[in-house]
């Protein structure tokens, strides 16, 4: 299987070109750009790009969608119906020799889709190497959803499954099962933290201080009323 990746400089967003191999049809996952390397790869490999599959509607994942439509005027854009974007509803489909399915993983957004192709999954902003998606972005559905999406839907996959996130580096389900700080606490392997912090200007308890895809941190915090939240580390004041 052919997988080409382009990553944007500013947002560190990944866009993928996927096909069974040289020649025949293929598809894009997200459209965050830069698109030129993927257009060139499609031409070099004689791939007819027929679909673009959108993990979710956030700007950094769709900002080059008009460019994609200009390049491929007949392309079919697919997404979850809950995402506020002009697209047809995704249903499992065959593209060349590849069977493409999706796992619905609400949390970061209501209609987040993770696309599965063979032993690969493209996780959008649900799961990253050593991190998970936050639940403070527009359209998010909260802590309980992101936890269930990661633990019940993704961690139940074969641990050899190769993970292609919506930002930066690839990983595997097995690696995240063992090394992702959030997953380890959810599994009961590591204890919850109890450090008092200020998060988004409010008193909170820091449960997990994990890595994030951009070299910073992601935090699981618990508010004074007992609610849990996943926020950017930059929004947390420690000590």
C-alpha atoms as a PDB file:
ATOM      1  CA  UNK A   1       0.000   0.000   0.000  1.00  0.00           C
ATOM      2  CA  UNK A   2       1.188   3.493  -0.845  1.00  0.00           C
ATOM      3  CA  UNK A   3       0.908   6.197   1.834  1.00  0.00           C
ATOM      4  CA  UNK A   4       2.353   9.645   1.168  1.00  0.00           C
ATOM      5  CA  UNK A   5       2.258  12.343   3.851  1.00  0.00           C
ATOM      6  CA  UNK A   6       2.563  16.130   3.665  1.00  0.00           C
ATOM      7  CA  UNK A   7       2.785  18.179   6.877  1.00  0.00           C
ATOM      8  CA  UNK A   8       2.050  21.892   7.094  1.00  0.00           C
ATOM      9  CA  UNK A   9       4.692  24.157   8.591  1.00  0.00           C
ATOM     10  CA  UNK A  10       2.451  26.216  10.846  1.00  0.00           C
ATOM     11  CA  UNK A  11      -0.226  23.875  12.175  1.00  0.00           C
ATOM     12  CA  UNK A  12       1.860  20.682  11.813  1.00  0.00           C
ATOM     13  CA  UNK A  13      -1.225  19.135  10.192  1.00  0.00           C
ATOM     14  CA  UNK A  14      -0.855  15.924   8.204  1.00  0.00           C
ATOM     15  CA  UNK A  15      -2.565  15.328   4.873  1.00  0.00           C
ATOM     16  CA  UNK A  16      -2.294  11.876   3.325  1.00  0.00           C
ATOM     17  CA  UNK A  17      -2.452  10.344  -0.139  1.00  0.00           C
ATOM     18  CA  UNK A  18      -3.399   6.655  -0.010  1.00  0.00           C
ATOM     19  CA  UNK A  19      -3.607   4.057  -2.785  1.00  0.00           C
ATOM     20  CA  UNK A  20      -3.138   0.330  -3.227  1.00  0.00           C
ATOM     21  CA  UNK A  21      -0.008   1.037  -5.272  1.00  0.00           C
ATOM     22  CA  UNK A  22       1.189   2.423  -8.575  1.00  0.00           C
ATOM     23  CA  UNK A  23      -1.655   3.111 -10.969  1.00  0.00           C
ATOM     24  CA  UNK A  24      -5.373   2.959 -10.316  1.00  0.00           C
ATOM     25  CA  UNK A  25      -7.494   5.033  -7.938  1.00  0.00           C
ATOM     26  CA  UNK A  26      -6.485   6.606  -4.655  1.00  0.00           C
ATOM     27  CA  UNK A  27      -7.754   9.112  -2.124  1.00  0.00           C
ATOM     28  CA  UNK A  28      -6.752  11.920   0.198  1.00  0.00           C
ATOM     29  CA  UNK A  29      -7.296  12.053   3.944  1.00  0.00           C
ATOM     30  CA  UNK A  30      -7.885  15.640   5.086  1.00  0.00           C
ATOM     31  CA  UNK A  31      -6.784  18.720   3.187  1.00  0.00           C
ATOM     32  CA  UNK A  32      -4.568  20.766   5.460  1.00  0.00           C
ATOM     33  CA  UNK A  33      -1.827  21.155   2.878  1.00  0.00           C
ATOM     34  CA  UNK A  34       0.684  21.615   1.519  1.00  0.00           C
ATOM     35  CA  UNK A  35      -0.992  19.852  -1.388  1.00  0.00           C
ATOM     36  CA  UNK A  36       1.717  20.213  -4.056  1.00  0.00           C
ATOM     37  CA  UNK A  37       3.824  17.255  -2.802  1.00  0.00           C
ATOM     38  CA  UNK A  38       0.766  15.003  -2.827  1.00  0.00           C
ATOM     39  CA  UNK A  39      -0.394  16.177  -6.235  1.00  0.00           C
ATOM     40  CA  UNK A  40       3.098  15.453  -7.531  1.00  0.00           C
ATOM     41  CA  UNK A  41       3.141  12.015  -5.894  1.00  0.00           C
ATOM     42  CA  UNK A  42      -0.229  11.155  -7.437  1.00  0.00           C
ATOM     43  CA  UNK A  43       1.027  12.169 -10.872  1.00  0.00           C
ATOM     44  CA  UNK A  44       4.318  10.314 -10.423  1.00  0.00           C
ATOM     45  CA  UNK A  45       2.548   7.122  -9.334  1.00  0.00           C
ATOM     46  CA  UNK A  46      -0.233   7.445 -11.951  1.00  0.00           C
ATOM     47  CA  UNK A  47      -2.909   7.574  -9.221  1.00  0.00           C
ATOM     48  CA  UNK A  48      -6.383   8.860 -10.044  1.00  0.00           C
ATOM     49  CA  UNK A  49      -7.527  10.720  -6.912  1.00  0.00           C
ATOM     50  CA  UNK A  50     -11.262  10.042  -6.574  1.00  0.00           C
ATOM     51  CA  UNK A  51     -12.138  10.960  -2.962  1.00  0.00           C
ATOM     52  CA  UNK A  52     -11.075  13.148  -0.077  1.00  0.00           C
ATOM     53  CA  UNK A  53     -12.043  11.813   3.350  1.00  0.00           C
ATOM     54  CA  UNK A  54     -12.282  14.419   6.107  1.00  0.00           C
ATOM     55  CA  UNK A  55     -11.629  13.411   9.711  1.00  0.00           C
ATOM     56  CA  UNK A  56     -13.356  16.581  10.954  1.00  0.00           C
ATOM     57  CA  UNK A  57     -14.156  20.169  10.050  1.00  0.00           C
ATOM     58  CA  UNK A  58     -11.469  22.225  11.822  1.00  0.00           C
ATOM     59  CA  UNK A  59      -9.758  24.827   9.685  1.00  0.00           C
ATOM     60  CA  UNK A  60      -6.270  23.332   9.864  1.00  0.00           C
ATOM     61  CA  UNK A  61      -7.583  20.088   8.328  1.00  0.00           C
ATOM     62  CA  UNK A  62      -9.650  21.595   5.490  1.00  0.00           C
ATOM     63  CA  UNK A  63      -7.949  24.873   4.586  1.00  0.00           C
ATOM     64  CA  UNK A  64      -6.703  23.496   1.229  1.00  0.00           C
ATOM     65  CA  UNK A  65      -9.998  21.838   0.270  1.00  0.00           C
ATOM     66  CA  UNK A  66     -10.754  24.414  -2.429  1.00  0.00           C
ATOM     67  CA  UNK A  67      -7.304  23.774  -3.903  1.00  0.00           C
ATOM     68  CA  UNK A  68      -8.083  20.045  -3.962  1.00  0.00           C
ATOM     69  CA  UNK A  69     -11.404  20.671  -5.707  1.00  0.00           C
ATOM     70  CA  UNK A  70      -9.714  22.838  -8.331  1.00  0.00           C
ATOM     71  CA  UNK A  71      -7.133  20.141  -9.017  1.00  0.00           C
ATOM     72  CA  UNK A  72      -9.709  17.332  -9.117  1.00  0.00           C
ATOM     73  CA  UNK A  73     -13.074  18.857 -10.161  1.00  0.00           C
ATOM     74  CA  UNK A  74     -14.919  15.525  -9.896  1.00  0.00           C
ATOM     75  CA  UNK A  75     -13.564  14.541  -6.489  1.00  0.00           C
ATOM     76  CA  UNK A  76     -16.070  13.267  -3.906  1.00  0.00           C
ATOM     77  CA  UNK A  77     -15.761  14.837  -0.452  1.00  0.00           C
ATOM     78  CA  UNK A  78     -16.861  12.615   2.444  1.00  0.00           C
ATOM     79  CA  UNK A  79     -17.269  13.328   6.177  1.00  0.00           C
ATOM     80  CA  UNK A  80     -19.503  12.503   9.127  1.00  0.00           C
ATOM     81  CA  UNK A  81     -22.925  14.242   8.885  1.00  0.00           C
ATOM     82  CA  UNK A  82     -22.378  15.856  12.298  1.00  0.00           C
ATOM     83  CA  UNK A  83     -19.468  17.904  10.947  1.00  0.00           C
ATOM     84  CA  UNK A  84     -20.499  21.389   9.719  1.00  0.00           C
ATOM     85  CA  UNK A  85     -18.858  21.150   6.325  1.00  0.00           C
ATOM     86  CA  UNK A  86     -20.055  20.679   2.758  1.00  0.00           C
ATOM     87  CA  UNK A  87     -19.559  16.961   2.170  1.00  0.00           C
ATOM     88  CA  UNK A  88     -21.440  13.753   1.496  1.00  0.00           C
ATOM     89  CA  UNK A  89     -21.946  11.313   4.404  1.00  0.00           C
ATOM     90  CA  UNK A  90     -19.154   8.779   4.663  1.00  0.00           C
ATOM     91  CA  UNK A  91     -20.054   5.134   4.186  1.00  0.00           C
ATOM     92  CA  UNK A  92     -17.614   2.217   3.871  1.00  0.00           C
ATOM     93  CA  UNK A  93     -16.326   2.024   0.332  1.00  0.00           C
ATOM     94  CA  UNK A  94     -13.957   0.209  -1.979  1.00  0.00           C
ATOM     95  CA  UNK A  95     -11.333   2.352  -3.692  1.00  0.00           C
ATOM     96  CA  UNK A  96      -9.380   0.178  -6.084  1.00  0.00           C
ATOM     97  CA  UNK A  97      -8.166  -2.807  -4.089  1.00  0.00           C
ATOM     98  CA  UNK A  98      -8.578  -1.017  -0.747  1.00  0.00           C
ATOM     99  CA  UNK A  99     -11.525  -1.399   1.609  1.00  0.00           C
ATOM    100  CA  UNK A 100     -11.970   1.854   3.514  1.00  0.00           C
ATOM    101  CA  UNK A 101     -13.983   1.930   6.741  1.00  0.00           C
ATOM    102  CA  UNK A 102     -14.251   4.368   9.626  1.00  0.00           C
ATOM    103  CA  UNK A 103     -14.412   4.401  13.412  1.00  0.00           C
ATOM    104  CA  UNK A 104     -16.543   7.195  14.868  1.00  0.00           C
ATOM    105  CA  UNK A 105     -14.539   8.795  17.688  1.00  0.00           C
ATOM    106  CA  UNK A 106     -16.403  11.774  19.180  1.00  0.00           C
ATOM    107  CA  UNK A 107     -14.650  13.964  21.698  1.00  0.00           C
ATOM    108  CA  UNK A 108     -12.485  16.480  19.869  1.00  0.00           C
ATOM    109  CA  UNK A 109     -15.519  17.020  17.619  1.00  0.00           C
ATOM    110  CA  UNK A 110     -18.939  15.368  17.453  1.00  0.00           C
ATOM    111  CA  UNK A 111     -18.384  13.779  14.053  1.00  0.00           C
ATOM    112  CA  UNK A 112     -14.705  12.849  14.205  1.00  0.00           C
ATOM    113  CA  UNK A 113     -13.947   9.896  11.939  1.00  0.00           C
ATOM    114  CA  UNK A 114     -10.835   7.699  12.065  1.00  0.00           C
ATOM    115  CA  UNK A 115     -10.372   5.928   8.746  1.00  0.00           C
ATOM    116  CA  UNK A 116      -9.204   2.321   8.636  1.00  0.00           C
ATOM    117  CA  UNK A 117      -7.442   0.772   5.646  1.00  0.00           C
ATOM    118  CA  UNK A 118      -5.989  -2.691   6.173  1.00  0.00           C
ATOM    119  CA  UNK A 119      -3.667  -2.559   9.169  1.00  0.00           C
ATOM    120  CA  UNK A 120      -3.625   1.231   9.224  1.00  0.00           C
ATOM    121  CA  UNK A 121      -5.786   3.833  10.943  1.00  0.00           C
ATOM    122  CA  UNK A 122      -5.810   7.588  10.319  1.00  0.00           C
ATOM    123  CA  UNK A 123      -6.810   9.098  13.651  1.00  0.00           C
ATOM    124  CA  UNK A 124      -7.334  12.794  12.943  1.00  0.00           C
ATOM    125  CA  UNK A 125      -7.250  14.671  16.246  1.00  0.00           C
ATOM    126  CA  UNK A 126      -8.333  11.753  18.446  1.00  0.00           C
ATOM    127  CA  UNK A 127      -4.997  10.041  19.093  1.00  0.00           C
ATOM    128  CA  UNK A 128      -1.439  11.279  18.579  1.00  0.00           C
ATOM    129  CA  UNK A 129       1.925   9.792  19.393  1.00  0.00           C
ATOM    130  CA  UNK A 130       2.057  10.041  23.216  1.00  0.00           C
ATOM    131  CA  UNK A 131      -1.001  12.311  23.345  1.00  0.00           C
ATOM    132  CA  UNK A 132      -4.737  12.625  22.743  1.00  0.00           C
ATOM    133  CA  UNK A 133      -7.065  15.256  21.354  1.00  0.00           C
ATOM    134  CA  UNK A 134      -8.265  18.132  23.508  1.00  0.00           C
ATOM    135  CA  UNK A 135     -11.930  18.814  24.149  1.00  0.00           C
ATOM    136  CA  UNK A 136     -11.947  22.601  24.149  1.00  0.00           C
ATOM    137  CA  UNK A 137     -11.982  23.218  20.388  1.00  0.00           C
ATOM    138  CA  UNK A 138     -15.160  24.230  18.519  1.00  0.00           C
ATOM    139  CA  UNK A 139     -17.613  21.335  18.258  1.00  0.00           C
ATOM    140  CA  UNK A 140     -16.016  19.230  21.000  1.00  0.00           C
ATOM    141  CA  UNK A 141     -18.209  16.861  23.008  1.00  0.00           C
ATOM    142  CA  UNK A 142     -16.219  16.486  26.202  1.00  0.00           C
ATOM    143  CA  UNK A 143     -13.936  14.366  28.320  1.00  0.00           C
ATOM    144  CA  UNK A 144     -16.110  11.248  28.588  1.00  0.00           C
ATOM    145  CA  UNK A 145     -16.342  10.977  24.807  1.00  0.00           C
ATOM    146  CA  UNK A 146     -12.603  11.342  24.140  1.00  0.00           C
ATOM    147  CA  UNK A 147     -11.827   8.775  26.841  1.00  0.00           C
ATOM    148  CA  UNK A 148     -14.325   6.278  25.454  1.00  0.00           C
ATOM    149  CA  UNK A 149     -13.158   6.883  21.889  1.00  0.00           C
ATOM    150  CA  UNK A 150      -9.520   6.240  22.780  1.00  0.00           C
ATOM    151  CA  UNK A 151      -9.951   3.379  25.234  1.00  0.00           C
ATOM    152  CA  UNK A 152     -13.022   1.536  23.950  1.00  0.00           C
ATOM    153  CA  UNK A 153     -12.662   2.069  20.206  1.00  0.00           C
ATOM    154  CA  UNK A 154      -8.999   2.601  19.389  1.00  0.00           C
ATOM    155  CA  UNK A 155      -7.168   0.644  22.082  1.00  0.00           C
ATOM    156  CA  UNK A 156      -9.322  -2.382  21.254  1.00  0.00           C
ATOM    157  CA  UNK A 157      -7.720  -2.571  17.782  1.00  0.00           C
ATOM    158  CA  UNK A 158      -4.896  -4.969  16.979  1.00  0.00           C
ATOM    159  CA  UNK A 159      -1.794  -3.565  18.670  1.00  0.00           C
ATOM    160  CA  UNK A 160       0.153  -3.895  15.415  1.00  0.00           C
ATOM    161  CA  UNK A 161      -2.171  -1.356  13.782  1.00  0.00           C
ATOM    162  CA  UNK A 162      -0.168   1.541  12.377  1.00  0.00           C
ATOM    163  CA  UNK A 163      -1.487   4.923  13.505  1.00  0.00           C
ATOM    164  CA  UNK A 164      -1.288   7.950  11.210  1.00  0.00           C
ATOM    165  CA  UNK A 165      -2.370  10.981  13.278  1.00  0.00           C
ATOM    166  CA  UNK A 166      -3.707  14.297  12.112  1.00  0.00           C
ATOM    167  CA  UNK A 167      -0.519  15.949  13.383  1.00  0.00           C
ATOM    168  CA  UNK A 168       3.171  14.999  13.296  1.00  0.00           C
ATOM    169  CA  UNK A 169       4.616  11.537  13.916  1.00  0.00           C
ATOM    170  CA  UNK A 170       3.175   8.074  13.258  1.00  0.00           C
ATOM    171  CA  UNK A 171       2.902   5.448  15.969  1.00  0.00           C
ATOM    172  CA  UNK A 172       1.121   2.150  16.659  1.00  0.00           C
ATOM    173  CA  UNK A 173      -1.794   1.174  18.862  1.00  0.00           C
ATOM    174  CA  UNK A 174       0.546  -1.078  20.853  1.00  0.00           C
ATOM    175  CA  UNK A 175       3.028   1.737  21.465  1.00  0.00           C
ATOM    176  CA  UNK A 176       0.298   4.035  22.752  1.00  0.00           C
ATOM    177  CA  UNK A 177      -1.124   1.236  24.927  1.00  0.00           C
ATOM    178  CA  UNK A 178       2.230   1.026  26.702  1.00  0.00           C
ATOM    179  CA  UNK A 179       3.608   4.576  26.575  1.00  0.00           C
ATOM    180  CA  UNK A 180       0.789   7.122  26.252  1.00  0.00           C
ATOM    181  CA  UNK A 181       0.504   8.853  29.656  1.00  0.00           C
ATOM    182  CA  UNK A 182      -3.284   9.258  29.414  1.00  0.00           C
ATOM    183  CA  UNK A 183      -3.834   5.643  28.403  1.00  0.00           C
ATOM    184  CA  UNK A 184      -1.588   4.399  31.194  1.00  0.00           C
ATOM    185  CA  UNK A 185      -3.609   6.230  33.854  1.00  0.00           C
ATOM    186  CA  UNK A 186      -6.889   5.088  32.316  1.00  0.00           C
ATOM    187  CA  UNK A 187      -5.547   1.523  32.454  1.00  0.00           C
ATOM    188  CA  UNK A 188      -4.689   1.944  36.129  1.00  0.00           C
ATOM    189  CA  UNK A 189      -0.957   1.422  35.537  1.00  0.00           C
ATOM    190  CA  UNK A 190       0.026   4.885  36.754  1.00  0.00           C
ATOM    191  CA  UNK A 191      -1.654   6.889  39.535  1.00  0.00           C
ATOM    192  CA  UNK A 192      -3.666  10.041  39.019  1.00  0.00           C
ATOM    193  CA  UNK A 193      -1.832  13.220  39.942  1.00  0.00           C
ATOM    194  CA  UNK A 194      -2.981  15.567  42.695  1.00  0.00           C
ATOM    195  CA  UNK A 195      -1.058  18.779  41.984  1.00  0.00           C
ATOM    196  CA  UNK A 196      -3.081  21.987  42.495  1.00  0.00           C
ATOM    197  CA  UNK A 197      -2.895  24.201  39.396  1.00  0.00           C
ATOM    198  CA  UNK A 198      -4.673  27.057  37.684  1.00  0.00           C
ATOM    199  CA  UNK A 199      -6.185  26.014  34.356  1.00  0.00           C
ATOM    200  CA  UNK A 200      -7.837  28.510  32.047  1.00  0.00           C
ATOM    201  CA  UNK A 201      -7.854  30.919  35.003  1.00  0.00           C
ATOM    202  CA  UNK A 202      -9.695  28.513  37.317  1.00  0.00           C
ATOM    203  CA  UNK A 203      -8.435  26.346  40.204  1.00  0.00           C
ATOM    204  CA  UNK A 204      -8.048  22.707  39.229  1.00  0.00           C
ATOM    205  CA  UNK A 205      -6.169  19.507  39.995  1.00  0.00           C
ATOM    206  CA  UNK A 206      -3.631  18.226  37.494  1.00  0.00           C
ATOM    207  CA  UNK A 207      -4.343  14.536  36.872  1.00  0.00           C
ATOM    208  CA  UNK A 208      -1.982  13.944  33.916  1.00  0.00           C
ATOM    209  CA  UNK A 209       0.754  16.163  32.474  1.00  0.00           C
ATOM    210  CA  UNK A 210       1.456  14.518  29.137  1.00  0.00           C
ATOM    211  CA  UNK A 211       3.410  15.254  25.983  1.00  0.00           C
ATOM    212  CA  UNK A 212       1.732  16.814  22.975  1.00  0.00           C
ATOM    213  CA  UNK A 213       2.406  16.530  19.272  1.00  0.00           C
ATOM    214  CA  UNK A 214       3.904  20.030  18.945  1.00  0.00           C
ATOM    215  CA  UNK A 215       6.618  19.525  21.555  1.00  0.00           C
ATOM    216  CA  UNK A 216       4.514  21.117  24.281  1.00  0.00           C
ATOM    217  CA  UNK A 217       2.165  19.491  26.748  1.00  0.00           C
ATOM    218  CA  UNK A 218      -1.422  18.296  27.044  1.00  0.00           C
ATOM    219  CA  UNK A 219      -3.156  18.193  30.431  1.00  0.00           C
ATOM    220  CA  UNK A 220      -5.971  16.228  32.009  1.00  0.00           C
ATOM    221  CA  UNK A 221      -7.377  18.445  34.734  1.00  0.00           C
ATOM    222  CA  UNK A 222     -10.181  18.036  37.239  1.00  0.00           C
ATOM    223  CA  UNK A 223     -12.241  21.061  38.151  1.00  0.00           C
ATOM    224  CA  UNK A 224     -13.398  21.816  41.694  1.00  0.00           C
ATOM    225  CA  UNK A 225     -16.892  20.456  40.921  1.00  0.00           C
ATOM    226  CA  UNK A 226     -15.394  17.056  39.931  1.00  0.00           C
ATOM    227  CA  UNK A 227     -15.643  17.451  36.152  1.00  0.00           C
ATOM    228  CA  UNK A 228     -12.697  16.259  34.055  1.00  0.00           C
ATOM    229  CA  UNK A 229     -11.254  18.102  31.048  1.00  0.00           C
ATOM    230  CA  UNK A 230      -8.455  17.786  28.495  1.00  0.00           C
ATOM    231  CA  UNK A 231      -6.764  21.129  27.810  1.00  0.00           C
ATOM    232  CA  UNK A 232      -3.604  22.467  26.221  1.00  0.00           C
ATOM    233  CA  UNK A 233      -0.618  22.615  28.522  1.00  0.00           C
ATOM    234  CA  UNK A 234      -0.219  26.278  27.661  1.00  0.00           C
ATOM    235  CA  UNK A 235      -3.495  26.920  29.501  1.00  0.00           C
ATOM    236  CA  UNK A 236      -2.180  25.460  32.757  1.00  0.00           C
ATOM    237  CA  UNK A 237      -0.179  27.409  35.353  1.00  0.00           C
ATOM    238  CA  UNK A 238       1.862  25.150  37.621  1.00  0.00           C
ATOM    239  CA  UNK A 239       3.584  25.955  40.921  1.00  0.00           C
END
